[in-house]
């Protein structure tokens, strides 16, 4: 894995998605109230809408346009109308900085 620094931990507000670009990837970065950091593809697979403009709730990121909710852990939609997953990205936090591997991961639906 090839991790690259994208921002400081404090740059990402809790439960408020942030759009970052890394290599040729556009990523929605989320820090939840427990302090965990997630990175998923920023484009809703239903309507090509930016997920970083959506809402964080119960481990999901909801598309503001049509309401599809994507798991922050797996990228799989938890509600319709989307039925295809978005990629997830490996994240690590070191010295108050967030690092992401820009290689997308597609996880099995579970």
PDB file of N, CA and C in Angstrom:
ATOM      1  N   UNK A   1       0.842  -1.191   0.000  1.00  0.00           N
ATOM      2  CA  UNK A   1       0.000   0.000   0.000  1.00  0.00           C
ATOM      3  C   UNK A   1       0.880   1.245   0.000  1.00  0.00           C
ATOM      4  N   UNK A   2       0.398   2.232  -0.692  1.00  0.00           N
ATOM      5  CA  UNK A   2       1.137   3.477  -0.827  1.00  0.00           C
ATOM      6  C   UNK A   2       0.289   4.622  -0.284  1.00  0.00           C
ATOM      7  N   UNK A   3       0.456   4.918   0.991  1.00  0.00           N
ATOM      8  CA  UNK A   3      -0.358   5.948   1.637  1.00  0.00           C
ATOM      9  C   UNK A   3       0.202   7.336   1.368  1.00  0.00           C
ATOM     10  N   UNK A   4      -0.732   8.281   1.176  1.00  0.00           N
ATOM     11  CA  UNK A   4      -0.357   9.672   0.973  1.00  0.00           C
ATOM     12  C   UNK A   4      -1.131  10.549   1.949  1.00  0.00           C
ATOM     13  N   UNK A   5      -0.452  11.555   2.483  1.00  0.00           N
ATOM     14  CA  UNK A   5      -1.098  12.478   3.420  1.00  0.00           C
ATOM     15  C   UNK A   5      -2.103  13.336   2.668  1.00  0.00           C
ATOM     16  N   UNK A   6      -3.334  13.446   3.241  1.00  0.00           N
ATOM     17  CA  UNK A   6      -4.354  14.282   2.597  1.00  0.00           C
ATOM     18  C   UNK A   6      -4.716  15.510   3.426  1.00  0.00           C
ATOM     19  N   UNK A   7      -4.633  15.402   4.758  1.00  0.00           N
ATOM     20  CA  UNK A   7      -4.976  16.542   5.608  1.00  0.00           C
ATOM     21  C   UNK A   7      -4.701  16.188   7.066  1.00  0.00           C
ATOM     22  N   UNK A   8      -4.900  17.153   7.937  1.00  0.00           N
ATOM     23  CA  UNK A   8      -4.823  16.907   9.366  1.00  0.00           C
ATOM     24  C   UNK A   8      -6.152  16.371   9.872  1.00  0.00           C
ATOM     25  N   UNK A   9      -6.129  15.652  10.966  1.00  0.00           N
ATOM     26  CA  UNK A   9      -7.362  15.109  11.544  1.00  0.00           C
ATOM     27  C   UNK A   9      -8.339  16.232  11.871  1.00  0.00           C
ATOM     28  N   UNK A  10      -7.834  17.322  12.428  1.00  0.00           N
ATOM     29  CA  UNK A  10      -8.709  18.431  12.817  1.00  0.00           C
ATOM     30  C   UNK A  10      -9.292  19.191  11.629  1.00  0.00           C
ATOM     31  N   UNK A  11      -8.793  18.923  10.424  1.00  0.00           N
ATOM     32  CA  UNK A  11      -9.359  19.553   9.227  1.00  0.00           C
ATOM     33  C   UNK A  11     -10.716  18.958   8.851  1.00  0.00           C
ATOM     34  N   UNK A  12     -11.010  17.767   9.370  1.00  0.00           N
ATOM     35  CA  UNK A  12     -12.256  17.072   9.044  1.00  0.00           C
ATOM     36  C   UNK A  12     -13.193  17.184  10.251  1.00  0.00           C
ATOM     37  N   UNK A  13     -14.287  17.917  10.095  1.00  0.00           N
ATOM     38  CA  UNK A  13     -15.251  18.073  11.181  1.00  0.00           C
ATOM     39  C   UNK A  13     -16.009  16.765  11.383  1.00  0.00           C
ATOM     40  N   UNK A  14     -16.334  16.478  12.617  1.00  0.00           N
ATOM     41  CA  UNK A  14     -17.056  15.248  12.954  1.00  0.00           C
ATOM     42  C   UNK A  14     -18.397  15.205  12.228  1.00  0.00           C
ATOM     43  N   UNK A  15     -18.677  14.063  11.602  1.00  0.00           N
ATOM     44  CA  UNK A  15     -19.938  13.808  10.883  1.00  0.00           C
ATOM     45  C   UNK A  15     -20.239  14.828   9.793  1.00  0.00           C
ATOM     46  N   UNK A  16     -19.190  15.427   9.247  1.00  0.00           N
ATOM     47  CA  UNK A  16     -19.345  16.385   8.150  1.00  0.00           C
ATOM     48  C   UNK A  16     -18.373  15.979   7.041  1.00  0.00           C
ATOM     49  N   UNK A  17     -18.869  15.348   5.975  1.00  0.00           N
ATOM     50  CA  UNK A  17     -17.983  14.847   4.924  1.00  0.00           C
ATOM     51  C   UNK A  17     -17.141  15.951   4.295  1.00  0.00           C
ATOM     52  N   UNK A  18     -15.959  15.542   3.856  1.00  0.00           N
ATOM     53  CA  UNK A  18     -15.033  16.476   3.211  1.00  0.00           C
ATOM     54  C   UNK A  18     -14.542  15.843   1.912  1.00  0.00           C
ATOM     55  N   UNK A  19     -14.571  16.594   0.843  1.00  0.00           N
ATOM     56  CA  UNK A  19     -14.101  16.108  -0.456  1.00  0.00           C
ATOM     57  C   UNK A  19     -12.599  16.317  -0.557  1.00  0.00           C
ATOM     58  N   UNK A  20     -11.888  15.242  -0.946  1.00  0.00           N
ATOM     59  CA  UNK A  20     -10.455  15.344  -1.201  1.00  0.00           C
ATOM     60  C   UNK A  20     -10.158  14.682  -2.540  1.00  0.00           C
ATOM     61  N   UNK A  21      -9.107  15.147  -3.182  1.00  0.00           N
ATOM     62  CA  UNK A  21      -8.654  14.540  -4.432  1.00  0.00           C
ATOM     63  C   UNK A  21      -7.265  13.989  -4.196  1.00  0.00           C
ATOM     64  N   UNK A  22      -7.071  12.742  -4.654  1.00  0.00           N
ATOM     65  CA  UNK A  22      -5.801  12.071  -4.450  1.00  0.00           C
ATOM     66  C   UNK A  22      -5.514  11.232  -5.690  1.00  0.00           C
ATOM     67  N   UNK A  23      -4.384  11.498  -6.307  1.00  0.00           N
ATOM     68  CA  UNK A  23      -4.057  10.853  -7.580  1.00  0.00           C
ATOM     69  C   UNK A  23      -5.210  11.148  -8.540  1.00  0.00           C
ATOM     70  N   UNK A  24      -5.844  10.143  -9.098  1.00  0.00           N
ATOM     71  CA  UNK A  24      -6.972  10.381 -10.002  1.00  0.00           C
ATOM     72  C   UNK A  24      -8.295  10.029  -9.331  1.00  0.00           C
ATOM     73  N   UNK A  25      -8.316  10.006  -8.005  1.00  0.00           N
ATOM     74  CA  UNK A  25      -9.509   9.633  -7.247  1.00  0.00           C
ATOM     75  C   UNK A  25     -10.129  10.853  -6.571  1.00  0.00           C
ATOM     76  N   UNK A  26     -11.467  10.901  -6.559  1.00  0.00           N
ATOM     77  CA  UNK A  26     -12.196  11.900  -5.781  1.00  0.00           C
ATOM     78  C   UNK A  26     -12.844  11.130  -4.644  1.00  0.00           C
ATOM     79  N   UNK A  27     -12.572  11.554  -3.423  1.00  0.00           N
ATOM     80  CA  UNK A  27     -12.888  10.774  -2.224  1.00  0.00           C
ATOM     81  C   UNK A  27     -13.691  11.610  -1.241  1.00  0.00           C
ATOM     82  N   UNK A  28     -14.688  10.968  -0.625  1.00  0.00           N
ATOM     83  CA  UNK A  28     -15.423  11.583   0.488  1.00  0.00           C
ATOM     84  C   UNK A  28     -14.783  11.070   1.775  1.00  0.00           C
ATOM     85  N   UNK A  29     -14.259  11.976   2.558  1.00  0.00           N
ATOM     86  CA  UNK A  29     -13.569  11.657   3.801  1.00  0.00           C
ATOM     87  C   UNK A  29     -14.492  11.991   4.962  1.00  0.00           C
ATOM     88  N   UNK A  30     -14.647  11.046   5.900  1.00  0.00           N
ATOM     89  CA  UNK A  30     -15.566  11.225   7.032  1.00  0.00           C
ATOM     90  C   UNK A  30     -14.866  10.851   8.326  1.00  0.00           C
ATOM     91  N   UNK A  31     -15.030  11.699   9.343  1.00  0.00           N
ATOM     92  CA  UNK A  31     -14.592  11.371  10.706  1.00  0.00           C
ATOM     93  C   UNK A  31     -15.853  11.286  11.549  1.00  0.00           C
ATOM     94  N   UNK A  32     -16.080  10.126  12.179  1.00  0.00           N
ATOM     95  CA  UNK A  32     -17.313   9.970  12.969  1.00  0.00           C
ATOM     96  C   UNK A  32     -17.099  10.394  14.411  1.00  0.00           C
ATOM     97  N   UNK A  33     -18.163  10.370  15.191  1.00  0.00           N
ATOM     98  CA  UNK A  33     -18.112  10.860  16.575  1.00  0.00           C
ATOM     99  C   UNK A  33     -17.215  10.003  17.461  1.00  0.00           C
ATOM    100  N   UNK A  34     -16.918   8.768  17.043  1.00  0.00           N
ATOM    101  CA  UNK A  34     -16.003   7.907  17.799  1.00  0.00           C
ATOM    102  C   UNK A  34     -14.545   8.199  17.444  1.00  0.00           C
ATOM    103  N   UNK A  35     -14.335   9.049  16.445  1.00  0.00           N
ATOM    104  CA  UNK A  35     -12.989   9.405  16.028  1.00  0.00           C
ATOM    105  C   UNK A  35     -12.441   8.553  14.896  1.00  0.00           C
ATOM    106  N   UNK A  36     -13.241   7.611  14.398  1.00  0.00           N
ATOM    107  CA  UNK A  36     -12.811   6.781  13.279  1.00  0.00           C
ATOM    108  C   UNK A  36     -12.896   7.574  11.980  1.00  0.00           C
ATOM    109  N   UNK A  37     -11.967   7.300  11.069  1.00  0.00           N
ATOM    110  CA  UNK A  37     -11.913   8.014   9.793  1.00  0.00           C
ATOM    111  C   UNK A  37     -12.161   7.018   8.666  1.00  0.00           C
ATOM    112  N   UNK A  38     -13.011   7.409   7.721  1.00  0.00           N
ATOM    113  CA  UNK A  38     -13.387   6.569   6.586  1.00  0.00           C
ATOM    114  C   UNK A  38     -13.178   7.351   5.294  1.00  0.00           C
ATOM    115  N   UNK A  39     -12.878   6.620   4.220  1.00  0.00           N
ATOM    116  CA  UNK A  39     -12.727   7.232   2.910  1.00  0.00           C
ATOM    117  C   UNK A  39     -13.453   6.353   1.893  1.00  0.00           C
ATOM    118  N   UNK A  40     -14.444   6.938   1.201  1.00  0.00           N
ATOM    119  CA  UNK A  40     -15.183   6.202   0.167  1.00  0.00           C
ATOM    120  C   UNK A  40     -15.254   7.069  -1.083  1.00  0.00           C
ATOM    121  N   UNK A  41     -15.554   6.426  -2.209  1.00  0.00           N
ATOM    122  CA  UNK A  41     -15.706   7.165  -3.454  1.00  0.00           C
ATOM    123  C   UNK A  41     -16.737   8.268  -3.307  1.00  0.00           C
ATOM    124  N   UNK A  42     -16.460   9.404  -3.905  1.00  0.00           N
ATOM    125  CA  UNK A  42     -17.303  10.591  -3.710  1.00  0.00           C
ATOM    126  C   UNK A  42     -18.511  10.659  -4.641  1.00  0.00           C
ATOM    127  N   UNK A  43     -18.660   9.728  -5.574  1.00  0.00           N
ATOM    128  CA  UNK A  43     -19.763   9.803  -6.533  1.00  0.00           C
ATOM    129  C   UNK A  43     -20.798   8.739  -6.274  1.00  0.00           C
ATOM    130  N   UNK A  44     -22.045   9.160  -6.056  1.00  0.00           N
ATOM    131  CA  UNK A  44     -23.169   8.233  -5.885  1.00  0.00           C
ATOM    132  C   UNK A  44     -23.307   7.399  -7.155  1.00  0.00           C
ATOM    133  N   UNK A  45     -23.465   6.108  -6.993  1.00  0.00           N
ATOM    134  CA  UNK A  45     -23.578   5.227  -8.158  1.00  0.00           C
ATOM    135  C   UNK A  45     -24.957   5.280  -8.801  1.00  0.00           C
ATOM    136  N   UNK A  46     -25.883   5.966  -8.189  1.00  0.00           N
ATOM    137  CA  UNK A  46     -27.217   6.100  -8.781  1.00  0.00           C
ATOM    138  C   UNK A  46     -27.309   7.329  -9.668  1.00  0.00           C
ATOM    139  N   UNK A  47     -26.844   8.467  -9.169  1.00  0.00           N
ATOM    140  CA  UNK A  47     -27.082   9.706  -9.896  1.00  0.00           C
ATOM    141  C   UNK A  47     -25.874  10.569 -10.142  1.00  0.00           C
ATOM    142  N   UNK A  48     -24.652  10.034  -9.947  1.00  0.00           N
ATOM    143  CA  UNK A  48     -23.433  10.806 -10.177  1.00  0.00           C
ATOM    144  C   UNK A  48     -23.447  12.122  -9.411  1.00  0.00           C
ATOM    145  N   UNK A  49     -23.840  12.027  -8.142  1.00  0.00           N
ATOM    146  CA  UNK A  49     -23.911  13.187  -7.242  1.00  0.00           C
ATOM    147  C   UNK A  49     -22.766  13.092  -6.240  1.00  0.00           C
ATOM    148  N   UNK A  50     -22.210  14.207  -5.840  1.00  0.00           N
ATOM    149  CA  UNK A  50     -21.123  14.227  -4.867  1.00  0.00           C
ATOM    150  C   UNK A  50     -21.626  13.795  -3.487  1.00  0.00           C
ATOM    151  N   UNK A  51     -21.087  12.688  -2.989  1.00  0.00           N
ATOM    152  CA  UNK A  51     -21.486  12.208  -1.656  1.00  0.00           C
ATOM    153  C   UNK A  51     -20.931  13.092  -0.543  1.00  0.00           C
ATOM    154  N   UNK A  52     -19.850  13.808  -0.811  1.00  0.00           N
ATOM    155  CA  UNK A  52     -19.287  14.670   0.235  1.00  0.00           C
ATOM    156  C   UNK A  52     -20.198  15.850   0.562  1.00  0.00           C
ATOM    157  N   UNK A  53     -21.262  16.021  -0.214  1.00  0.00           N
ATOM    158  CA  UNK A  53     -22.263  17.050   0.087  1.00  0.00           C
ATOM    159  C   UNK A  53     -23.451  16.448   0.837  1.00  0.00           C
ATOM    160  N   UNK A  54     -23.330  15.164   1.189  1.00  0.00           N
ATOM    161  CA  UNK A  54     -24.429  14.449   1.847  1.00  0.00           C
ATOM    162  C   UNK A  54     -24.361  14.479   3.359  1.00  0.00           C
ATOM    163  N   UNK A  55     -25.029  13.513   3.966  1.00  0.00           N
ATOM    164  CA  UNK A  55     -25.234  13.491   5.407  1.00  0.00           C
ATOM    165  C   UNK A  55     -24.705  12.186   6.005  1.00  0.00           C
ATOM    166  N   UNK A  56     -24.030  12.295   7.152  1.00  0.00           N
ATOM    167  CA  UNK A  56     -23.511  11.127   7.858  1.00  0.00           C
ATOM    168  C   UNK A  56     -24.513  10.717   8.921  1.00  0.00           C
ATOM    169  N   UNK A  57     -24.844   9.410   8.934  1.00  0.00           N
ATOM    170  CA  UNK A  57     -25.788   8.913   9.928  1.00  0.00           C
ATOM    171  C   UNK A  57     -25.597   7.409  10.121  1.00  0.00           C
ATOM    172  N   UNK A  58     -25.388   6.987  11.352  1.00  0.00           N
ATOM    173  CA  UNK A  58     -25.321   5.564  11.706  1.00  0.00           C
ATOM    174  C   UNK A  58     -24.395   4.760  10.799  1.00  0.00           C
ATOM    175  N   UNK A  59     -23.174   5.232  10.599  1.00  0.00           N
ATOM    176  CA  UNK A  59     -22.200   4.489   9.809  1.00  0.00           C
ATOM    177  C   UNK A  59     -22.414   4.541   8.315  1.00  0.00           C
ATOM    178  N   UNK A  60     -23.252   5.481   7.852  1.00  0.00           N
ATOM    179  CA  UNK A  60     -23.497   5.616   6.417  1.00  0.00           C
ATOM    180  C   UNK A  60     -23.297   7.060   5.981  1.00  0.00           C
ATOM    181  N   UNK A  61     -23.117   7.210   4.679  1.00  0.00           N
ATOM    182  CA  UNK A  61     -23.093   8.528   4.055  1.00  0.00           C
ATOM    183  C   UNK A  61     -24.242   8.565   3.064  1.00  0.00           C
ATOM    184  N   UNK A  62     -25.166   9.495   3.277  1.00  0.00           N
ATOM    185  CA  UNK A  62     -26.386   9.573   2.478  1.00  0.00           C
ATOM    186  C   UNK A  62     -26.248  10.598   1.368  1.00  0.00           C
ATOM    187  N   UNK A  63     -26.623  10.188   0.162  1.00  0.00           N
ATOM    188  CA  UNK A  63     -26.655  11.093  -0.980  1.00  0.00           C
ATOM    189  C   UNK A  63     -27.776  12.110  -0.775  1.00  0.00           C
ATOM    190  N   UNK A  64     -27.456  13.381  -0.878  1.00  0.00           N
ATOM    191  CA  UNK A  64     -28.439  14.432  -0.616  1.00  0.00           C
ATOM    192  C   UNK A  64     -29.532  14.484  -1.680  1.00  0.00           C
ATOM    193  N   UNK A  65     -29.262  13.982  -2.893  1.00  0.00           N
ATOM    194  CA  UNK A  65     -30.224  14.134  -3.989  1.00  0.00           C
ATOM    195  C   UNK A  65     -31.341  13.105  -3.964  1.00  0.00           C
ATOM    196  N   UNK A  66     -31.007  11.836  -3.744  1.00  0.00           N
ATOM    197  CA  UNK A  66     -32.021  10.788  -3.857  1.00  0.00           C
ATOM    198  C   UNK A  66     -32.118   9.892  -2.630  1.00  0.00           C
ATOM    199  N   UNK A  67     -31.275  10.118  -1.633  1.00  0.00           N
ATOM    200  CA  UNK A  67     -31.413   9.418  -0.358  1.00  0.00           C
ATOM    201  C   UNK A  67     -30.725   8.078  -0.220  1.00  0.00           C
ATOM    202  N   UNK A  68     -29.993   7.616  -1.214  1.00  0.00           N
ATOM    203  CA  UNK A  68     -29.254   6.360  -1.047  1.00  0.00           C
ATOM    204  C   UNK A  68     -28.211   6.534   0.053  1.00  0.00           C
ATOM    205  N   UNK A  69     -28.106   5.540   0.903  1.00  0.00           N
ATOM    206  CA  UNK A  69     -27.134   5.564   1.988  1.00  0.00           C
ATOM    207  C   UNK A  69     -26.076   4.504   1.720  1.00  0.00           C
ATOM    208  N   UNK A  70     -24.801   4.889   1.795  1.00  0.00           N
ATOM    209  CA  UNK A  70     -23.685   3.994   1.539  1.00  0.00           C
ATOM    210  C   UNK A  70     -22.931   3.712   2.832  1.00  0.00           C
ATOM    211  N   UNK A  71     -22.620   2.440   3.072  1.00  0.00           N
ATOM    212  CA  UNK A  71     -21.849   2.054   4.244  1.00  0.00           C
ATOM    213  C   UNK A  71     -20.459   2.682   4.177  1.00  0.00           C
ATOM    214  N   UNK A  72     -20.041   3.302   5.266  1.00  0.00           N
ATOM    215  CA  UNK A  72     -18.702   3.873   5.317  1.00  0.00           C
ATOM    216  C   UNK A  72     -17.634   2.788   5.363  1.00  0.00           C
ATOM    217  N   UNK A  73     -17.990   1.600   5.838  1.00  0.00           N
ATOM    218  CA  UNK A  73     -17.034   0.491   5.953  1.00  0.00           C
ATOM    219  C   UNK A  73     -16.860  -0.287   4.658  1.00  0.00           C
ATOM    220  N   UNK A  74     -17.958  -0.515   3.939  1.00  0.00           N
ATOM    221  CA  UNK A  74     -17.905  -1.394   2.767  1.00  0.00           C
ATOM    222  C   UNK A  74     -18.171  -0.691   1.443  1.00  0.00           C
ATOM    223  N   UNK A  75     -18.791   0.479   1.480  1.00  0.00           N
ATOM    224  CA  UNK A  75     -19.159   1.189   0.255  1.00  0.00           C
ATOM    225  C   UNK A  75     -20.469   0.726  -0.354  1.00  0.00           C
ATOM    226  N   UNK A  76     -21.072  -0.334   0.196  1.00  0.00           N
ATOM    227  CA  UNK A  76     -22.322  -0.858  -0.361  1.00  0.00           C
ATOM    228  C   UNK A  76     -23.504  -0.004   0.053  1.00  0.00           C
ATOM    229  N   UNK A  77     -24.467   0.198  -0.870  1.00  0.00           N
ATOM    230  CA  UNK A  77     -25.668   0.962  -0.520  1.00  0.00           C
ATOM    231  C   UNK A  77     -26.524   0.189   0.480  1.00  0.00           C
ATOM    232  N   UNK A  78     -27.057   0.926   1.434  1.00  0.00           N
ATOM    233  CA  UNK A  78     -27.952   0.359   2.439  1.00  0.00           C
ATOM    234  C   UNK A  78     -29.401   0.676   2.127  1.00  0.00           C
ATOM    235  N   UNK A  79     -29.623   1.507   1.107  1.00  0.00           N
ATOM    236  CA  UNK A  79     -30.985   1.868   0.712  1.00  0.00           C
ATOM    237  C   UNK A  79     -30.998   2.205  -0.776  1.00  0.00           C
ATOM    238  N   UNK A  80     -32.154   2.050  -1.372  1.00  0.00           N
ATOM    239  CA  UNK A  80     -32.345   2.386  -2.779  1.00  0.00           C
ATOM    240  C   UNK A  80     -32.478   3.895  -2.928  1.00  0.00           C
ATOM    241  N   UNK A  81     -32.285   4.443  -4.098  1.00  0.00           N
ATOM    242  CA  UNK A  81     -32.309   3.774  -5.391  1.00  0.00           C
ATOM    243  C   UNK A  81     -30.965   3.196  -5.841  1.00  0.00           C
ATOM    244  N   UNK A  82     -29.847   3.519  -5.193  1.00  0.00           N
ATOM    245  CA  UNK A  82     -28.558   2.949  -5.610  1.00  0.00           C
ATOM    246  C   UNK A  82     -28.517   1.457  -5.286  1.00  0.00           C
ATOM    247  N   UNK A  83     -27.861   0.700  -6.153  1.00  0.00           N
ATOM    248  CA  UNK A  83     -27.694  -0.723  -5.879  1.00  0.00           C
ATOM    249  C   UNK A  83     -26.273  -1.191  -6.169  1.00  0.00           C
ATOM    250  N   UNK A  84     -25.422  -0.292  -6.644  1.00  0.00           N
ATOM    251  CA  UNK A  84     -24.008  -0.594  -6.882  1.00  0.00           C
ATOM    252  C   UNK A  84     -23.166   0.104  -5.803  1.00  0.00           C
ATOM    253  N   UNK A  85     -22.076  -0.538  -5.375  1.00  0.00           N
ATOM    254  CA  UNK A  85     -21.239   0.065  -4.337  1.00  0.00           C
ATOM    255  C   UNK A  85     -20.332   1.162  -4.881  1.00  0.00           C
ATOM    256  N   UNK A  86     -19.836   1.970  -3.966  1.00  0.00           N
ATOM    257  CA  UNK A  86     -18.749   2.895  -4.261  1.00  0.00           C
ATOM    258  C   UNK A  86     -17.479   2.270  -3.677  1.00  0.00           C
ATOM    259  N   UNK A  87     -16.324   2.634  -4.197  1.00  0.00           N
ATOM    260  CA  UNK A  87     -15.096   2.064  -3.637  1.00  0.00           C
ATOM    261  C   UNK A  87     -14.814   2.631  -2.249  1.00  0.00           C
ATOM    262  N   UNK A  88     -14.077   1.867  -1.476  1.00  0.00           N
ATOM    263  CA  UNK A  88     -13.551   2.349  -0.202  1.00  0.00           C
ATOM    264  C   UNK A  88     -12.038   2.437  -0.344  1.00  0.00           C
ATOM    265  N   UNK A  89     -11.434   3.194   0.526  1.00  0.00           N
ATOM    266  CA  UNK A  89      -9.987   3.400   0.480  1.00  0.00           C
ATOM    267  C   UNK A  89      -9.408   3.155   1.860  1.00  0.00           C
ATOM    268  N   UNK A  90      -8.245   2.525   1.902  1.00  0.00           N
ATOM    269  CA  UNK A  90      -7.561   2.280   3.167  1.00  0.00           C
ATOM    270  C   UNK A  90      -7.108   3.607   3.754  1.00  0.00           C
ATOM    271  N   UNK A  91      -7.310   3.752   5.082  1.00  0.00           N
ATOM    272  CA  UNK A  91      -6.991   4.985   5.791  1.00  0.00           C
ATOM    273  C   UNK A  91      -6.118   4.654   6.988  1.00  0.00           C
ATOM    274  N   UNK A  92      -5.165   5.521   7.271  1.00  0.00           N
ATOM    275  CA  UNK A  92      -4.440   5.421   8.534  1.00  0.00           C
ATOM    276  C   UNK A  92      -4.245   6.829   9.077  1.00  0.00           C
ATOM    277  N   UNK A  93      -4.213   6.908  10.407  1.00  0.00           N
ATOM    278  CA  UNK A  93      -4.020   8.187  11.087  1.00  0.00           C
ATOM    279  C   UNK A  93      -2.713   8.087  11.872  1.00  0.00           C
ATOM    280  N   UNK A  94      -1.814   9.017  11.611  1.00  0.00           N
ATOM    281  CA  UNK A  94      -0.532   9.078  12.304  1.00  0.00           C
ATOM    282  C   UNK A  94      -0.199  10.527  12.611  1.00  0.00           C
ATOM    283  N   UNK A  95       0.229  10.775  13.837  1.00  0.00           N
ATOM    284  CA  UNK A  95       0.673  12.120  14.225  1.00  0.00           C
ATOM    285  C   UNK A  95      -0.334  13.196  13.835  1.00  0.00           C
ATOM    286  N   UNK A  96      -1.605  12.945  14.118  1.00  0.00           N
ATOM    287  CA  UNK A  96      -2.685  13.900  13.841  1.00  0.00           C
ATOM    288  C   UNK A  96      -2.850  14.230  12.356  1.00  0.00           C
ATOM    289  N   UNK A  97      -2.408  13.316  11.490  1.00  0.00           N
ATOM    290  CA  UNK A  97      -2.584  13.492  10.048  1.00  0.00           C
ATOM    291  C   UNK A  97      -3.308  12.268   9.492  1.00  0.00           C
ATOM    292  N   UNK A  98      -4.074  12.483   8.415  1.00  0.00           N
ATOM    293  CA  UNK A  98      -4.815  11.410   7.752  1.00  0.00           C
ATOM    294  C   UNK A  98      -4.094  11.055   6.455  1.00  0.00           C
ATOM    295  N   UNK A  99      -3.865   9.756   6.270  1.00  0.00           N
ATOM    296  CA  UNK A  99      -3.221   9.228   5.082  1.00  0.00           C
ATOM    297  C   UNK A  99      -4.179   8.257   4.400  1.00  0.00           C
ATOM    298  N   UNK A 100      -4.232   8.298   3.080  1.00  0.00           N
ATOM    299  CA  UNK A 100      -5.117   7.418   2.312  1.00  0.00           C
ATOM    300  C   UNK A 100      -4.288   6.725   1.233  1.00  0.00           C
ATOM    301  N   UNK A 101      -4.578   5.444   1.028  1.00  0.00           N
ATOM    302  CA  UNK A 101      -4.034   4.722  -0.121  1.00  0.00           C
ATOM    303  C   UNK A 101      -4.990   4.976  -1.280  1.00  0.00           C
ATOM    304  N   UNK A 102      -4.530   5.564  -2.391  1.00  0.00           N
ATOM    305  CA  UNK A 102      -5.440   5.916  -3.482  1.00  0.00           C
ATOM    306  C   UNK A 102      -5.915   4.733  -4.334  1.00  0.00           C
ATOM    307  N   UNK A 103      -5.495   3.532  -3.999  1.00  0.00           N
ATOM    308  CA  UNK A 103      -5.960   2.361  -4.740  1.00  0.00           C
ATOM    309  C   UNK A 103      -7.339   1.964  -4.223  1.00  0.00           C
ATOM    310  N   UNK A 104      -8.372   2.027  -5.062  1.00  0.00           N
ATOM    311  CA  UNK A 104      -9.730   1.715  -4.591  1.00  0.00           C
ATOM    312  C   UNK A 104      -9.871   0.238  -4.239  1.00  0.00           C
ATOM    313  N   UNK A 105     -10.701  -0.024  -3.239  1.00  0.00           N
ATOM    314  CA  UNK A 105     -11.013  -1.367  -2.792  1.00  0.00           C
ATOM    315  C   UNK A 105     -12.518  -1.572  -2.967  1.00  0.00           C
ATOM    316  N   UNK A 106     -12.895  -2.684  -3.557  1.00  0.00           N
ATOM    317  CA  UNK A 106     -14.309  -3.019  -3.648  1.00  0.00           C
ATOM    318  C   UNK A 106     -14.542  -4.219  -2.759  1.00  0.00           C
ATOM    319  N   UNK A 107     -15.358  -4.054  -1.733  1.00  0.00           N
ATOM    320  CA  UNK A 107     -15.598  -5.115  -0.756  1.00  0.00           C
ATOM    321  C   UNK A 107     -16.855  -5.891  -1.096  1.00  0.00           C
ATOM    322  N   UNK A 108     -16.903  -7.118  -0.598  1.00  0.00           N
ATOM    323  CA  UNK A 108     -18.096  -7.932  -0.755  1.00  0.00           C
ATOM    324  C   UNK A 108     -19.242  -7.335   0.061  1.00  0.00           C
ATOM    325  N   UNK A 109     -20.445  -7.492  -0.424  1.00  0.00           N
ATOM    326  CA  UNK A 109     -21.629  -6.999   0.279  1.00  0.00           C
ATOM    327  C   UNK A 109     -21.873  -7.877   1.498  1.00  0.00           C
ATOM    328  N   UNK A 110     -21.959  -7.229   2.654  1.00  0.00           N
ATOM    329  CA  UNK A 110     -22.267  -7.956   3.892  1.00  0.00           C
ATOM    330  C   UNK A 110     -23.025  -7.099   4.840  1.00  0.00           C
TER     331      UNK A 110
END
